[in-house]
Amino acid sequence: VQLQASGGGLVQAGGSLRLSCTASGRTVGSSGVGWFRQAPGKEREFVASASVSMSTTYYGDSVKGRFTVSRDNAKNTVYLQMNSLKPEDTAVYYCNAYWGMDYWGKGTQVTVSS
């Protein structure tokens, strides 16, 4: 089972990025999913999560109203749409899913310049 996060990059403040997390070996539609991030020198921080049905979503206070979690079952991919990016959003972003145990994707770097 693997999760592969992608879509990171360098963007100016106020810009947008969409991160993708593609699963292999498991179906994302059978798991709740989450996004976390870790900035240099800081602990990993919760960003967003969604229930298996996608009917319930949670967001960290710092990203509420700016980030949105979605899923495309046909592509076996979960997305994190990030709008109105701020320099403090700069971090390595990780996706997470639970199939009997926690699975983590390799992170993708997001850098927001001021």
C-alpha atoms as a PDB file:
ATOM      1  CA  VAL A   1       0.000   0.000   0.000  1.00  0.00           C
ATOM      2  CA  GLN A   2       1.355   3.376  -0.972  1.00  0.00           C
ATOM      3  CA  LEU A   3       0.215   6.951  -0.845  1.00  0.00           C
ATOM      4  CA  GLN A   4       1.866   9.424  -3.164  1.00  0.00           C
ATOM      5  CA  ALA A   5       1.422  13.128  -2.532  1.00  0.00           C
ATOM      6  CA  SER A   6       2.162  15.624  -5.268  1.00  0.00           C
ATOM      7  CA  GLY A   7       1.316  19.100  -6.445  1.00  0.00           C
ATOM      8  CA  GLY A   8       3.499  21.164  -4.175  1.00  0.00           C
ATOM      9  CA  GLY A   9       5.591  24.036  -5.402  1.00  0.00           C
ATOM     10  CA  LEU A  10       6.444  27.686  -5.035  1.00  0.00           C
ATOM     11  CA  VAL A  11       3.598  30.189  -5.101  1.00  0.00           C
ATOM     12  CA  GLN A  12       3.170  33.825  -4.165  1.00  0.00           C
ATOM     13  CA  ALA A  13       1.051  34.839  -1.214  1.00  0.00           C
ATOM     14  CA  GLY A  14      -2.589  34.954  -2.208  1.00  0.00           C
ATOM     15  CA  GLY A  15      -2.139  32.232  -4.779  1.00  0.00           C
ATOM     16  CA  SER A  16      -3.522  28.721  -4.968  1.00  0.00           C
ATOM     17  CA  LEU A  17      -2.255  25.167  -5.221  1.00  0.00           C
ATOM     18  CA  ARG A  18      -3.964  21.827  -5.400  1.00  0.00           C
ATOM     19  CA  LEU A  19      -2.281  18.881  -3.759  1.00  0.00           C
ATOM     20  CA  SER A  20      -3.053  15.346  -4.821  1.00  0.00           C
ATOM     21  CA  CYS A  21      -2.705  12.119  -2.886  1.00  0.00           C
ATOM     22  CA  THR A  22      -2.991   8.981  -4.967  1.00  0.00           C
ATOM     23  CA  ALA A  23      -3.289   5.553  -3.414  1.00  0.00           C
ATOM     24  CA  SER A  24      -2.081   2.258  -4.762  1.00  0.00           C
ATOM     25  CA  GLY A  25      -2.973  -1.072  -3.253  1.00  0.00           C
ATOM     26  CA  ARG A  26      -6.018   0.291  -1.465  1.00  0.00           C
ATOM     27  CA  THR A  27      -9.111   2.290  -2.330  1.00  0.00           C
ATOM     28  CA  VAL A  28      -9.260   5.816  -0.949  1.00  0.00           C
ATOM     29  CA  GLY A  29     -13.022   5.509  -0.927  1.00  0.00           C
ATOM     30  CA  SER A  30     -12.765   2.938   1.850  1.00  0.00           C
ATOM     31  CA  SER A  31     -10.866   5.175   4.265  1.00  0.00           C
ATOM     32  CA  GLY A  32     -11.086   8.468   6.005  1.00  0.00           C
ATOM     33  CA  VAL A  33      -8.268  10.657   4.801  1.00  0.00           C
ATOM     34  CA  GLY A  34      -6.250  13.441   6.280  1.00  0.00           C
ATOM     35  CA  TRP A  35      -3.717  16.086   5.429  1.00  0.00           C
ATOM     36  CA  PHE A  36      -0.989  17.223   7.782  1.00  0.00           C
ATOM     37  CA  ARG A  37       1.936  19.567   7.407  1.00  0.00           C
ATOM     38  CA  GLN A  38       5.255  20.166   9.045  1.00  0.00           C
ATOM     39  CA  ALA A  39       7.223  23.364   8.867  1.00  0.00           C
ATOM     40  CA  PRO A  40      10.948  23.473   9.675  1.00  0.00           C
ATOM     41  CA  GLY A  41      11.533  23.319  13.399  1.00  0.00           C
ATOM     42  CA  LYS A  42       7.872  22.696  14.146  1.00  0.00           C
ATOM     43  CA  GLU A  43       5.783  19.681  14.996  1.00  0.00           C
ATOM     44  CA  ARG A  44       3.513  18.062  12.469  1.00  0.00           C
ATOM     45  CA  GLU A  45       0.218  19.931  12.341  1.00  0.00           C
ATOM     46  CA  PHE A  46      -3.257  18.761  11.427  1.00  0.00           C
ATOM     47  CA  VAL A  47      -4.591  20.495   8.318  1.00  0.00           C
ATOM     48  CA  ALA A  48      -7.748  18.729   7.186  1.00  0.00           C
ATOM     49  CA  SER A  49      -9.580  15.434   7.189  1.00  0.00           C
ATOM     50  CA  ALA A  50     -12.638  13.847   5.682  1.00  0.00           C
ATOM     51  CA  SER A  51     -14.775  10.886   6.666  1.00  0.00           C
ATOM     52  CA  VAL A  52     -15.093   7.787   4.502  1.00  0.00           C
ATOM     53  CA  SER A  53     -18.294   9.098   2.959  1.00  0.00           C
ATOM     54  CA  MET A  54     -16.797  12.575   2.608  1.00  0.00           C
ATOM     55  CA  SER A  55     -19.917  13.853   4.341  1.00  0.00           C
ATOM     56  CA  THR A  56     -17.917  15.182   7.269  1.00  0.00           C
ATOM     57  CA  THR A  57     -14.831  17.305   6.969  1.00  0.00           C
ATOM     58  CA  TYR A  58     -12.611  18.942   9.543  1.00  0.00           C
ATOM     59  CA  TYR A  59     -10.105  21.723   9.120  1.00  0.00           C
ATOM     60  CA  GLY A  60      -7.432  23.210  11.277  1.00  0.00           C
ATOM     61  CA  ASP A  61      -8.255  26.687  12.524  1.00  0.00           C
ATOM     62  CA  SER A  62      -5.457  28.229  10.504  1.00  0.00           C
ATOM     63  CA  VAL A  63      -6.825  26.943   7.179  1.00  0.00           C
ATOM     64  CA  LYS A  64     -10.591  27.099   7.657  1.00  0.00           C
ATOM     65  CA  GLY A  65     -12.292  28.872   4.817  1.00  0.00           C
ATOM     66  CA  ARG A  66      -9.206  28.617   2.592  1.00  0.00           C
ATOM     67  CA  PHE A  67      -8.551  24.882   2.144  1.00  0.00           C
ATOM     68  CA  THR A  68     -10.925  22.206   0.899  1.00  0.00           C
ATOM     69  CA  VAL A  69     -10.627  18.425   0.891  1.00  0.00           C
ATOM     70  CA  SER A  70     -12.183  16.447  -1.939  1.00  0.00           C
ATOM     71  CA  ARG A  71     -11.904  13.007  -3.476  1.00  0.00           C
ATOM     72  CA  ASP A  72     -12.128  11.463  -6.915  1.00  0.00           C
ATOM     73  CA  ASN A  73     -12.890   7.768  -6.526  1.00  0.00           C
ATOM     74  CA  ALA A  74     -12.340   7.072 -10.219  1.00  0.00           C
ATOM     75  CA  LYS A  75      -8.774   8.335  -9.892  1.00  0.00           C
ATOM     76  CA  ASN A  76      -8.313   6.880  -6.409  1.00  0.00           C
ATOM     77  CA  THR A  77      -7.071  10.295  -5.401  1.00  0.00           C
ATOM     78  CA  VAL A  78      -7.719  12.755  -2.604  1.00  0.00           C
ATOM     79  CA  TYR A  79      -7.147  16.453  -3.136  1.00  0.00           C
ATOM     80  CA  LEU A  80      -6.380  19.431  -0.963  1.00  0.00           C
ATOM     81  CA  GLN A  81      -7.335  22.675  -2.657  1.00  0.00           C
ATOM     82  CA  MET A  82      -5.438  25.517  -1.050  1.00  0.00           C
ATOM     83  CA  ASN A  83      -6.524  29.082  -1.757  1.00  0.00           C
ATOM     84  CA  SER A  84      -5.419  32.449  -0.406  1.00  0.00           C
ATOM     85  CA  LEU A  85      -2.089  30.966   0.555  1.00  0.00           C
ATOM     86  CA  LYS A  86       0.004  32.702   3.170  1.00  0.00           C
ATOM     87  CA  PRO A  87       3.733  32.505   3.905  1.00  0.00           C
ATOM     88  CA  GLU A  88       2.887  30.663   7.126  1.00  0.00           C
ATOM     89  CA  ASP A  89       1.410  27.855   5.027  1.00  0.00           C
ATOM     90  CA  THR A  90       4.940  26.983   3.941  1.00  0.00           C
ATOM     91  CA  ALA A  91       5.598  23.394   4.981  1.00  0.00           C
ATOM     92  CA  VAL A  92       5.928  19.836   3.789  1.00  0.00           C
ATOM     93  CA  TYR A  93       2.428  18.447   3.343  1.00  0.00           C
ATOM     94  CA  TYR A  94       1.588  14.802   3.998  1.00  0.00           C
ATOM     95  CA  CYS A  95      -1.493  12.775   3.277  1.00  0.00           C
ATOM     96  CA  ASN A  96      -2.732  10.056   5.573  1.00  0.00           C
ATOM     97  CA  ALA A  97      -5.218   7.211   5.358  1.00  0.00           C
ATOM     98  CA  TYR A  98      -6.229   4.420   7.676  1.00  0.00           C
ATOM     99  CA  TRP A  99      -6.669   0.865   6.455  1.00  0.00           C
ATOM    100  CA  GLY A 100      -6.284  -1.072   9.668  1.00  0.00           C
ATOM    101  CA  MET A 101      -3.227   1.011  10.374  1.00  0.00           C
ATOM    102  CA  ASP A 102      -2.018   4.477   9.512  1.00  0.00           C
ATOM    103  CA  TYR A 103      -0.476   4.969   6.103  1.00  0.00           C
ATOM    104  CA  TRP A 104       1.474   8.088   5.217  1.00  0.00           C
ATOM    105  CA  GLY A 105       2.519   9.396   1.861  1.00  0.00           C
ATOM    106  CA  LYS A 106       5.861  11.007   1.256  1.00  0.00           C
ATOM    107  CA  GLY A 107       5.472  14.712   1.667  1.00  0.00           C
ATOM    108  CA  THR A 108       5.279  17.398  -0.939  1.00  0.00           C
ATOM    109  CA  GLN A 109       6.872  20.787  -0.334  1.00  0.00           C
ATOM    110  CA  VAL A 110       4.746  23.914  -0.440  1.00  0.00           C
ATOM    111  CA  THR A 111       6.538  27.244  -0.321  1.00  0.00           C
ATOM    112  CA  VAL A 112       4.607  30.500  -0.196  1.00  0.00           C
ATOM    113  CA  SER A 113       6.592  33.649  -0.840  1.00  0.00           C
ATOM    114  CA  SER A 114       5.573  37.030   0.533  1.00  0.00           C
END
